[in-house]
Amino acid sequence: MSKGCTETRAHGIDAFASVMERPRTLEDALGRTEILLVSAAAEALRMVRIGMEVHTRRARGTERG
């Protein structure tokens, strides 16, 4: 994580995610902006869904693992 992570978390931001799955040139990233943002948003929503499922299982006492 970058320097500033602690300060950011102090403002209520608890998670970070990148829109790029690997290093890219600026030109390549700008050319793929829509694809990268849609993919990152879908991945973030999957993480939220997993978190909700874990919470529900814990509340029911049916955790797997």
PDB file of N, CA and C in Angstrom:
ATOM      1  N   MET A   1       0.837  -1.176   0.000  1.00  0.00           N
ATOM      2  CA  MET A   1       0.000   0.000   0.000  1.00  0.00           C
ATOM      3  C   MET A   1       0.883   1.241   0.000  1.00  0.00           C
ATOM      4  N   SER A   2       0.306   2.289  -0.496  1.00  0.00           N
ATOM      5  CA  SER A   2       1.062   3.533  -0.576  1.00  0.00           C
ATOM      6  C   SER A   2       1.114   4.225   0.776  1.00  0.00           C
ATOM      7  N   LYS A   3       1.951   5.246   0.850  1.00  0.00           N
ATOM      8  CA  LYS A   3       2.064   6.047   2.092  1.00  0.00           C
ATOM      9  C   LYS A   3       0.709   6.721   2.245  1.00  0.00           C
ATOM     10  N   GLY A   4       0.087   7.114   3.064  1.00  0.00           N
ATOM     11  CA  GLY A   4      -1.221   7.736   3.056  1.00  0.00           C
ATOM     12  C   GLY A   4      -2.366   6.766   3.290  1.00  0.00           C
ATOM     13  N   CYS A   5      -2.079   5.477   3.265  1.00  0.00           N
ATOM     14  CA  CYS A   5      -3.126   4.479   3.489  1.00  0.00           C
ATOM     15  C   CYS A   5      -3.746   4.660   4.874  1.00  0.00           C
ATOM     16  N   THR A   6      -2.911   4.864   5.867  1.00  0.00           N
ATOM     17  CA  THR A   6      -3.404   5.028   7.234  1.00  0.00           C
ATOM     18  C   THR A   6      -4.285   6.264   7.349  1.00  0.00           C
ATOM     19  N   GLU A   7      -3.854   7.347   6.715  1.00  0.00           N
ATOM     20  CA  GLU A   7      -4.647   8.568   6.759  1.00  0.00           C
ATOM     21  C   GLU A   7      -5.990   8.380   6.055  1.00  0.00           C
ATOM     22  N   THR A   8      -5.987   7.680   4.947  1.00  0.00           N
ATOM     23  CA  THR A   8      -7.225   7.436   4.208  1.00  0.00           C
ATOM     24  C   THR A   8      -8.184   6.603   5.048  1.00  0.00           C
ATOM     25  N   ARG A   9      -7.660   5.576   5.703  1.00  0.00           N
ATOM     26  CA  ARG A   9      -8.523   4.733   6.544  1.00  0.00           C
ATOM     27  C   ARG A   9      -9.111   5.532   7.694  1.00  0.00           C
ATOM     28  N   ALA A  10      -8.401   6.534   8.169  1.00  0.00           N
ATOM     29  CA  ALA A  10      -8.907   7.376   9.258  1.00  0.00           C
ATOM     30  C   ALA A  10     -10.145   8.156   8.823  1.00  0.00           C
ATOM     31  N   HIS A  11     -10.353   8.289   7.529  1.00  0.00           N
ATOM     32  CA  HIS A  11     -11.518   9.000   7.003  1.00  0.00           C
ATOM     33  C   HIS A  11     -12.650   8.047   6.622  1.00  0.00           C
ATOM     34  N   GLY A  12     -12.546   6.782   7.014  1.00  0.00           N
ATOM     35  CA  GLY A  12     -13.635   5.839   6.809  1.00  0.00           C
ATOM     36  C   GLY A  12     -13.553   4.994   5.553  1.00  0.00           C
ATOM     37  N   ILE A  13     -12.455   5.076   4.824  1.00  0.00           N
ATOM     38  CA  ILE A  13     -12.292   4.240   3.630  1.00  0.00           C
ATOM     39  C   ILE A  13     -11.539   2.991   4.063  1.00  0.00           C
ATOM     40  N   ASP A  14     -12.195   1.847   4.009  1.00  0.00           N
ATOM     41  CA  ASP A  14     -11.634   0.614   4.551  1.00  0.00           C
ATOM     42  C   ASP A  14     -11.082  -0.346   3.512  1.00  0.00           C
ATOM     43  N   ALA A  15     -11.298  -0.087   2.244  1.00  0.00           N
ATOM     44  CA  ALA A  15     -10.825  -1.019   1.223  1.00  0.00           C
ATOM     45  C   ALA A  15     -10.325  -0.239   0.008  1.00  0.00           C
ATOM     46  N   PHE A  16      -9.380  -0.843  -0.682  1.00  0.00           N
ATOM     47  CA  PHE A  16      -8.804  -0.242  -1.879  1.00  0.00           C
ATOM     48  C   PHE A  16      -8.782  -1.300  -2.970  1.00  0.00           C
ATOM     49  N   ALA A  17      -8.987  -0.894  -4.189  1.00  0.00           N
ATOM     50  CA  ALA A  17      -8.895  -1.814  -5.318  1.00  0.00           C
ATOM     51  C   ALA A  17      -8.374  -1.034  -6.516  1.00  0.00           C
ATOM     52  N   SER A  18      -7.647  -1.707  -7.352  1.00  0.00           N
ATOM     53  CA  SER A  18      -7.105  -1.074  -8.546  1.00  0.00           C
ATOM     54  C   SER A  18      -8.019  -1.337  -9.735  1.00  0.00           C
ATOM     55  N   VAL A  19      -8.030  -0.435 -10.682  1.00  0.00           N
ATOM     56  CA  VAL A  19      -8.790  -0.671 -11.904  1.00  0.00           C
ATOM     57  C   VAL A  19      -7.951  -1.431 -12.926  1.00  0.00           C
ATOM     58  N   MET A  20      -6.669  -1.621 -12.626  1.00  0.00           N
ATOM     59  CA  MET A  20      -5.803  -2.346 -13.562  1.00  0.00           C
ATOM     60  C   MET A  20      -5.316  -3.637 -12.927  1.00  0.00           C
ATOM     61  N   GLU A  21      -5.389  -4.711 -13.696  1.00  0.00           N
ATOM     62  CA  GLU A  21      -4.970  -6.020 -13.188  1.00  0.00           C
ATOM     63  C   GLU A  21      -3.472  -6.250 -13.358  1.00  0.00           C
ATOM     64  N   ARG A  22      -2.821  -5.368 -14.104  1.00  0.00           N
ATOM     65  CA  ARG A  22      -1.376  -5.471 -14.307  1.00  0.00           C
ATOM     66  C   ARG A  22      -0.852  -4.098 -14.716  1.00  0.00           C
ATOM     67  N   PRO A  23       0.457  -3.896 -14.642  1.00  0.00           N
ATOM     68  CA  PRO A  23       1.011  -2.608 -15.097  1.00  0.00           C
ATOM     69  C   PRO A  23       0.714  -2.390 -16.579  1.00  0.00           C
ATOM     70  N   ARG A  24       0.403  -1.171 -16.952  1.00  0.00           N
ATOM     71  CA  ARG A  24       0.103  -0.807 -18.337  1.00  0.00           C
ATOM     72  C   ARG A  24       0.702   0.557 -18.625  1.00  0.00           C
ATOM     73  N   THR A  25       0.880   0.832 -19.890  1.00  0.00           N
ATOM     74  CA  THR A  25       1.273   2.187 -20.265  1.00  0.00           C
ATOM     75  C   THR A  25       0.051   3.076 -20.117  1.00  0.00           C
ATOM     76  N   LEU A  26       0.287   4.365 -19.962  1.00  0.00           N
ATOM     77  CA  LEU A  26      -0.821   5.304 -19.862  1.00  0.00           C
ATOM     78  C   LEU A  26      -1.691   5.233 -21.115  1.00  0.00           C
ATOM     79  N   GLU A  27      -1.055   5.137 -22.257  1.00  0.00           N
ATOM     80  CA  GLU A  27      -1.789   5.073 -23.520  1.00  0.00           C
ATOM     81  C   GLU A  27      -2.709   3.846 -23.561  1.00  0.00           C
ATOM     82  N   ASP A  28      -2.187   2.700 -23.146  1.00  0.00           N
ATOM     83  CA  ASP A  28      -2.993   1.476 -23.130  1.00  0.00           C
ATOM     84  C   ASP A  28      -4.146   1.599 -22.142  1.00  0.00           C
ATOM     85  N   ALA A  29      -3.862   2.118 -20.949  1.00  0.00           N
ATOM     86  CA  ALA A  29      -4.908   2.264 -19.925  1.00  0.00           C
ATOM     87  C   ALA A  29      -6.011   3.205 -20.406  1.00  0.00           C
ATOM     88  N   LEU A  30      -5.625   4.309 -21.010  1.00  0.00           N
ATOM     89  CA  LEU A  30      -6.633   5.257 -21.502  1.00  0.00           C
ATOM     90  C   LEU A  30      -7.455   4.662 -22.637  1.00  0.00           C
ATOM     91  N   GLY A  31      -6.830   3.830 -23.443  1.00  0.00           N
ATOM     92  CA  GLY A  31      -7.545   3.183 -24.535  1.00  0.00           C
ATOM     93  C   GLY A  31      -8.510   2.113 -24.063  1.00  0.00           C
ATOM     94  N   ARG A  32      -8.322   1.627 -22.856  1.00  0.00           N
ATOM     95  CA  ARG A  32      -9.171   0.563 -22.304  1.00  0.00           C
ATOM     96  C   ARG A  32      -9.979   1.037 -21.094  1.00  0.00           C
ATOM     97  N   THR A  33     -10.154   2.320 -20.963  1.00  0.00           N
ATOM     98  CA  THR A  33     -10.801   2.884 -19.778  1.00  0.00           C
ATOM     99  C   THR A  33     -12.136   2.226 -19.458  1.00  0.00           C
ATOM    100  N   GLU A  34     -13.027   2.152 -20.422  1.00  0.00           N
ATOM    101  CA  GLU A  34     -14.363   1.604 -20.155  1.00  0.00           C
ATOM    102  C   GLU A  34     -14.272   0.147 -19.706  1.00  0.00           C
ATOM    103  N   ILE A  35     -13.499  -0.652 -20.401  1.00  0.00           N
ATOM    104  CA  ILE A  35     -13.345  -2.071 -20.054  1.00  0.00           C
ATOM    105  C   ILE A  35     -12.762  -2.216 -18.656  1.00  0.00           C
ATOM    106  N   LEU A  36     -11.726  -1.445 -18.347  1.00  0.00           N
ATOM    107  CA  LEU A  36     -11.083  -1.535 -17.035  1.00  0.00           C
ATOM    108  C   LEU A  36     -12.029  -1.129 -15.911  1.00  0.00           C
ATOM    109  N   LEU A  37     -12.793  -0.061 -16.113  1.00  0.00           N
ATOM    110  CA  LEU A  37     -13.711   0.393 -15.068  1.00  0.00           C
ATOM    111  C   LEU A  37     -14.867  -0.578 -14.852  1.00  0.00           C
ATOM    112  N   VAL A  38     -15.423  -1.107 -15.921  1.00  0.00           N
ATOM    113  CA  VAL A  38     -16.519  -2.074 -15.794  1.00  0.00           C
ATOM    114  C   VAL A  38     -16.018  -3.335 -15.085  1.00  0.00           C
ATOM    115  N   SER A  39     -14.850  -3.798 -15.462  1.00  0.00           N
ATOM    116  CA  SER A  39     -14.274  -4.992 -14.839  1.00  0.00           C
ATOM    117  C   SER A  39     -13.992  -4.761 -13.357  1.00  0.00           C
ATOM    118  N   ALA A  40     -13.423  -3.610 -13.023  1.00  0.00           N
ATOM    119  CA  ALA A  40     -13.119  -3.302 -11.622  1.00  0.00           C
ATOM    120  C   ALA A  40     -14.397  -3.173 -10.793  1.00  0.00           C
ATOM    121  N   ALA A  41     -15.419  -2.565 -11.368  1.00  0.00           N
ATOM    122  CA  ALA A  41     -16.694  -2.430 -10.652  1.00  0.00           C
ATOM    123  C   ALA A  41     -17.319  -3.799 -10.389  1.00  0.00           C
ATOM    124  N   ALA A  42     -17.272  -4.675 -11.379  1.00  0.00           N
ATOM    125  CA  ALA A  42     -17.818  -6.025 -11.207  1.00  0.00           C
ATOM    126  C   ALA A  42     -17.046  -6.781 -10.126  1.00  0.00           C
ATOM    127  N   GLU A  43     -15.740  -6.637 -10.121  1.00  0.00           N
ATOM    128  CA  GLU A  43     -14.913  -7.301  -9.105  1.00  0.00           C
ATOM    129  C   GLU A  43     -15.224  -6.757  -7.706  1.00  0.00           C
ATOM    130  N   ALA A  44     -15.392  -5.448  -7.597  1.00  0.00           N
ATOM    131  CA  ALA A  44     -15.728  -4.846  -6.305  1.00  0.00           C
ATOM    132  C   ALA A  44     -17.079  -5.346  -5.805  1.00  0.00           C
ATOM    133  N   LEU A  45     -18.045  -5.457  -6.690  1.00  0.00           N
ATOM    134  CA  LEU A  45     -19.360  -5.963  -6.287  1.00  0.00           C
ATOM    135  C   LEU A  45     -19.298  -7.427  -5.865  1.00  0.00           C
ATOM    136  N   ARG A  46     -18.437  -8.211  -6.527  1.00  0.00           N
ATOM    137  CA  ARG A  46     -18.255  -9.609  -6.092  1.00  0.00           C
ATOM    138  C   ARG A  46     -17.701  -9.655  -4.676  1.00  0.00           C
ATOM    139  N   MET A  47     -16.754  -8.753  -4.371  1.00  0.00           N
ATOM    140  CA  MET A  47     -16.184  -8.717  -3.014  1.00  0.00           C
ATOM    141  C   MET A  47     -17.245  -8.336  -1.988  1.00  0.00           C
ATOM    142  N   VAL A  48     -18.094  -7.380  -2.330  1.00  0.00           N
ATOM    143  CA  VAL A  48     -19.175  -6.982  -1.426  1.00  0.00           C
ATOM    144  C   VAL A  48     -20.121  -8.158  -1.206  1.00  0.00           C
ATOM    145  N   ARG A  49     -20.466  -8.847  -2.278  1.00  0.00           N
ATOM    146  CA  ARG A  49     -21.368 -10.007  -2.166  1.00  0.00           C
ATOM    147  C   ARG A  49     -20.772 -11.086  -1.269  1.00  0.00           C
ATOM    148  N   ILE A  50     -19.491 -11.365  -1.440  1.00  0.00           N
ATOM    149  CA  ILE A  50     -18.835 -12.365  -0.597  1.00  0.00           C
ATOM    150  C   ILE A  50     -18.886 -11.927   0.859  1.00  0.00           C
ATOM    151  N   GLY A  51     -18.608 -10.649   1.108  1.00  0.00           N
ATOM    152  CA  GLY A  51     -18.671 -10.143   2.479  1.00  0.00           C
ATOM    153  C   GLY A  51     -20.055 -10.283   3.081  1.00  0.00           C
ATOM    154  N   MET A  52     -21.074 -10.015   2.285  1.00  0.00           N
ATOM    155  CA  MET A  52     -22.449 -10.157   2.764  1.00  0.00           C
ATOM    156  C   MET A  52     -22.773 -11.613   3.060  1.00  0.00           C
ATOM    157  N   GLU A  53     -22.310 -12.521   2.204  1.00  0.00           N
ATOM    158  CA  GLU A  53     -22.557 -13.947   2.430  1.00  0.00           C
ATOM    159  C   GLU A  53     -21.856 -14.434   3.690  1.00  0.00           C
ATOM    160  N   VAL A  54     -20.627 -13.994   3.903  1.00  0.00           N
ATOM    161  CA  VAL A  54     -19.893 -14.380   5.119  1.00  0.00           C
ATOM    162  C   VAL A  54     -20.640 -13.869   6.347  1.00  0.00           C
ATOM    163  N   HIS A  55     -21.087 -12.631   6.292  1.00  0.00           N
ATOM    164  CA  HIS A  55     -21.822 -12.063   7.418  1.00  0.00           C
ATOM    165  C   HIS A  55     -23.097 -12.865   7.707  1.00  0.00           C
ATOM    166  N   THR A  56     -23.842 -13.204   6.664  1.00  0.00           N
ATOM    167  CA  THR A  56     -25.075 -13.966   6.827  1.00  0.00           C
ATOM    168  C   THR A  56     -24.796 -15.340   7.424  1.00  0.00           C
ATOM    169  N   ARG A  57     -23.763 -15.998   6.939  1.00  0.00           N
ATOM    170  CA  ARG A  57     -23.423 -17.333   7.468  1.00  0.00           C
ATOM    171  C   ARG A  57     -23.012 -17.253   8.936  1.00  0.00           C
ATOM    172  N   ARG A  58     -22.245 -16.231   9.269  1.00  0.00           N
ATOM    173  CA  ARG A  58     -21.834 -16.084  10.674  1.00  0.00           C
ATOM    174  C   ARG A  58     -23.048 -15.823  11.554  1.00  0.00           C
ATOM    175  N   ALA A  59     -23.967 -15.005  11.065  1.00  0.00           N
ATOM    176  CA  ALA A  59     -25.165 -14.692  11.847  1.00  0.00           C
ATOM    177  C   ALA A  59     -26.024 -15.942  12.062  1.00  0.00           C
ATOM    178  N   ARG A  60     -26.029 -16.834  11.083  1.00  0.00           N
ATOM    179  CA  ARG A  60     -26.802 -18.073  11.179  1.00  0.00           C
ATOM    180  C   ARG A  60     -26.024 -19.179  11.878  1.00  0.00           C
ATOM    181  N   GLY A  61     -24.733 -18.982  12.035  1.00  0.00           N
ATOM    182  CA  GLY A  61     -23.885 -20.021  12.628  1.00  0.00           C
ATOM    183  C   GLY A  61     -23.591 -21.155  11.664  1.00  0.00           C
ATOM    184  N   THR A  62     -23.580 -20.842  10.357  1.00  0.00           N
ATOM    185  CA  THR A  62     -23.367 -21.883   9.346  1.00  0.00           C
ATOM    186  C   THR A  62     -22.111 -21.618   8.510  1.00  0.00           C
ATOM    187  N   GLU A  63     -21.082 -21.082   9.141  1.00  0.00           N
ATOM    188  CA  GLU A  63     -19.846 -20.815   8.410  1.00  0.00           C
ATOM    189  C   GLU A  63     -19.248 -22.093   7.846  1.00  0.00           C
ATOM    190  N   ARG A  64     -18.687 -21.971   6.654  1.00  0.00           N
ATOM    191  CA  ARG A  64     -17.929 -23.074   6.078  1.00  0.00           C
ATOM    192  C   ARG A  64     -16.461 -22.833   6.380  1.00  0.00           C
ATOM    193  N   GLY A  65     -15.710 -23.890   6.428  1.00  0.00           N
ATOM    194  CA  GLY A  65     -14.294 -23.667   6.546  1.00  0.00           C
ATOM    195  C   GLY A  65     -13.687 -24.520   7.540  1.00  0.00           C
TER     196      GLY A  65
END
